């Protein structure tokens, strides 16, 4: 009976020994894992856009002279969907005057933006963000964005290309 068990166990032990990760005899070759082939990375050409994923700048016109007033954005139901924190407001976030009533957007203004009675200086000095009710109460009646255009420059490059932007807006 013992010999029968041995007859079944020996081939099993031999098989398991062959599958183990232990090193084999010195005459066998060492296993080398295959290395992945190098990926081809496309080279940027002169015609490849270098900032295709950067957001584009926008220019807008207002229904009046509200360039020094903080803008907020409402949805179609009149609910407040965007307003800046006082710490977001600085001279560099004020719109930059272009020609023919156009302004370079530097505050995140959209076509649904309206203007408040808060000037940039007043708003930046606030200790905290006004409540939704206070912001809505500060909306200047009929003070809104009346036209908006996406520019062919990124937000970063727009301020460096004011003369080209003015030309673009004249020819739009």
Protein backbone atom coordinates (compact mmCIF):
# COMPACT_ATOMS: atom_id res chain seq x y z
CA UNK A 1 0.00 0.00 0.00
CA UNK A 2 2.89 2.40 0.83
CA UNK A 3 4.44 1.76 -2.55
CA UNK A 4 1.24 2.73 -4.33
CA UNK A 5 1.18 6.07 -2.54
CA UNK A 6 4.81 6.62 -3.33
CA UNK A 7 4.04 5.82 -6.97
CA UNK A 8 1.53 8.72 -7.06
CA UNK A 9 3.39 11.16 -4.79
CA UNK A 10 6.84 11.04 -6.48
CA UNK A 11 5.67 12.37 -9.87
CA UNK A 12 3.69 15.07 -8.06
CA UNK A 13 6.75 16.15 -6.05
CA UNK A 14 8.88 16.15 -9.21
CA UNK A 15 6.32 18.24 -11.02
CA UNK A 16 6.02 20.75 -8.19
CA UNK A 17 9.80 20.95 -7.88
CA UNK A 18 10.10 21.78 -11.55
CA UNK A 19 7.61 24.61 -11.19
CA UNK A 20 9.22 26.20 -8.17
CA UNK A 21 11.05 29.54 -8.52
CA UNK A 22 14.26 28.07 -7.12
CA UNK A 23 17.37 28.31 -9.20
CA UNK A 24 18.14 25.29 -11.34
CA UNK A 25 21.49 23.82 -12.18
CA UNK A 26 24.33 26.03 -13.28
CA UNK A 27 24.09 24.85 -16.88
CA UNK A 28 20.64 26.40 -17.36
CA UNK A 29 20.28 29.96 -18.61
CA UNK A 30 19.01 32.78 -16.40
CA UNK A 31 15.48 34.01 -17.25
CA UNK A 32 15.42 37.61 -18.44
CA UNK A 33 12.08 39.36 -18.46
CA UNK A 34 11.26 40.98 -21.79
CA UNK A 35 11.69 44.75 -21.78
CA UNK A 36 8.92 46.89 -23.27
CA UNK A 37 9.85 48.48 -26.52
CA UNK A 38 10.32 52.24 -26.33
CA UNK A 39 7.21 54.27 -27.17
CA UNK A 40 7.34 56.69 -30.00
CA UNK A 41 6.56 60.16 -28.69
CA UNK A 42 5.35 62.54 -31.38
CA UNK A 43 7.63 65.48 -31.94
CA UNK A 44 5.93 68.87 -31.94
CA UNK A 45 6.18 70.53 -35.30
CA UNK A 46 5.89 74.20 -36.15
CA UNK A 47 2.27 73.64 -37.20
CA UNK A 48 1.25 71.80 -34.02
CA UNK A 49 -0.64 74.12 -31.66
CA UNK A 50 1.45 74.53 -28.54
CA UNK A 51 -1.42 75.54 -26.27
CA UNK A 52 -4.39 73.70 -27.70
CA UNK A 53 -5.73 72.81 -24.27
CA UNK A 54 -5.37 76.29 -22.75
CA UNK A 55 -8.63 78.24 -22.34
CA UNK A 56 -9.19 81.03 -24.81
CA UNK A 57 -9.59 84.63 -23.74
CA UNK A 58 -12.85 86.46 -24.29
CA UNK A 59 -13.84 90.04 -24.92
CA UNK A 60 -17.20 91.55 -24.05
CA UNK A 61 -19.33 94.66 -24.34
CA UNK A 62 -21.50 96.01 -21.52
CA UNK A 63 -24.79 97.87 -21.54
CA UNK A 64 -23.03 100.84 -19.90
CA UNK A 65 -19.79 101.88 -18.24
CA UNK A 66 -19.45 99.22 -15.54
CA UNK A 67 -15.76 98.36 -15.96
CA UNK A 68 -15.05 99.23 -12.32
CA UNK A 69 -18.01 97.22 -11.00
CA UNK A 70 -17.77 93.63 -9.83
CA UNK A 71 -19.66 91.17 -12.02
CA UNK A 72 -21.63 88.17 -10.86
CA UNK A 73 -23.30 85.51 -13.00
CA UNK A 74 -26.88 84.33 -12.89
CA UNK A 75 -28.44 81.30 -14.59
CA UNK A 76 -31.56 81.56 -16.75
CA UNK A 77 -33.78 81.27 -13.65
CA UNK A 78 -32.02 84.20 -11.97
CA UNK A 79 -30.09 82.07 -9.48
CA UNK A 80 -26.58 83.12 -8.55
CA UNK A 81 -24.05 80.70 -10.10
CA UNK A 82 -20.78 82.68 -9.97
CA UNK A 83 -19.43 85.36 -7.69
CA UNK A 84 -15.86 86.13 -6.72
CA UNK A 85 -14.41 86.13 -3.24
CA UNK A 86 -13.11 89.54 -2.13
CA UNK A 87 -9.59 88.07 -2.27
CA UNK A 88 -10.14 87.26 -5.98
CA UNK A 89 -10.61 90.94 -6.80
CA UNK A 90 -7.56 93.02 -7.61
CA UNK A 91 -6.49 95.55 -10.23
CA UNK A 92 -5.32 92.62 -12.37
CA UNK A 93 -8.83 91.13 -12.42
CA UNK A 94 -10.47 94.32 -13.71
CA UNK A 95 -11.41 94.22 -17.39
CA UNK A 96 -8.87 95.77 -19.73
CA UNK A 97 -10.23 98.40 -22.12
CA UNK A 98 -9.97 97.63 -25.82
CA UNK A 99 -11.30 99.66 -28.75
CA UNK A 100 -14.90 100.30 -29.84
CA UNK A 101 -16.48 99.52 -26.45
CA UNK A 102 -14.84 96.11 -26.07
CA UNK A 103 -13.21 94.92 -22.85
CA UNK A 104 -10.78 92.07 -22.27
CA UNK A 105 -12.30 89.67 -19.75
CA UNK A 106 -10.03 89.13 -16.74
CA UNK A 107 -12.67 88.32 -14.11
CA UNK A 108 -14.46 85.22 -15.44
CA UNK A 109 -17.37 87.13 -16.91
CA UNK A 110 -19.80 85.18 -19.11
CA UNK A 111 -22.70 86.15 -21.33
CA UNK A 112 -24.99 85.73 -18.28
CA UNK A 113 -23.03 88.16 -16.11
CA UNK A 114 -24.54 91.26 -14.55
CA UNK A 115 -22.83 94.09 -12.70
CA UNK A 116 -23.18 95.07 -9.07
CA UNK A 117 -22.90 98.39 -7.26
CA UNK A 118 -19.70 97.09 -5.63
CA UNK A 119 -16.61 98.71 -7.10
CA UNK A 120 -13.43 96.63 -7.28
CA UNK A 121 -11.91 98.64 -4.43
CA UNK A 122 -14.97 98.31 -2.18
CA UNK A 123 -15.41 94.60 -2.85
CA UNK A 124 -11.73 93.75 -2.32
CA UNK A 125 -11.90 95.47 1.10
CA UNK A 126 -14.83 93.32 2.32
CA UNK A 127 -13.93 90.95 5.18
CA UNK A 128 -16.01 88.12 3.66
CA UNK A 129 -18.16 87.27 0.67
CA UNK A 130 -21.56 88.98 0.76
CA UNK A 131 -24.58 86.69 1.02
CA UNK A 132 -26.50 85.69 -2.09
CA UNK A 133 -29.26 88.07 -1.07
CA UNK A 134 -26.81 90.97 -0.64
CA UNK A 135 -25.22 90.26 -4.03
CA UNK A 136 -28.59 90.05 -5.79
CA UNK A 137 -29.71 93.29 -4.09
CA UNK A 138 -26.54 94.99 -5.36
CA UNK A 139 -27.27 94.23 -9.04
CA UNK A 140 -27.49 97.41 -11.10
CA UNK A 141 -30.73 97.19 -13.14
CA UNK A 142 -30.02 96.49 -16.83
CA UNK A 143 -26.24 96.45 -16.22
CA UNK A 144 -25.22 93.36 -18.13
CA UNK A 145 -23.00 91.85 -20.77
CA UNK A 146 -24.55 92.50 -24.18
CA UNK A 147 -22.00 90.81 -26.44
CA UNK A 148 -19.20 88.31 -25.94
CA UNK A 149 -16.56 86.98 -28.33
CA UNK A 150 -14.00 84.23 -27.92
CA UNK A 151 -10.55 85.46 -28.95
CA UNK A 152 -7.86 83.56 -30.87
CA UNK A 153 -5.45 83.92 -27.92
CA UNK A 154 -5.09 82.09 -24.66
CA UNK A 155 -5.89 83.97 -21.49
CA UNK A 156 -2.16 84.18 -20.78
CA UNK A 157 -1.24 85.60 -24.20
CA UNK A 158 -4.17 87.99 -24.65
CA UNK A 159 -2.66 90.90 -22.72
CA UNK A 160 0.48 90.70 -24.87
CA UNK A 161 -1.53 91.01 -28.10
CA UNK A 162 -3.90 93.94 -27.54
CA UNK A 163 -3.35 95.53 -30.96
CA UNK A 164 -4.03 92.19 -32.71
CA UNK A 165 -7.14 91.67 -30.57
CA UNK A 166 -8.45 95.12 -31.52
CA UNK A 167 -7.90 94.26 -35.19
CA UNK A 168 -9.62 90.90 -34.73
CA UNK A 169 -12.64 92.55 -33.11
CA UNK A 170 -12.93 95.12 -35.91
CA UNK A 171 -12.93 92.36 -38.51
CA UNK A 172 -15.25 89.92 -36.75
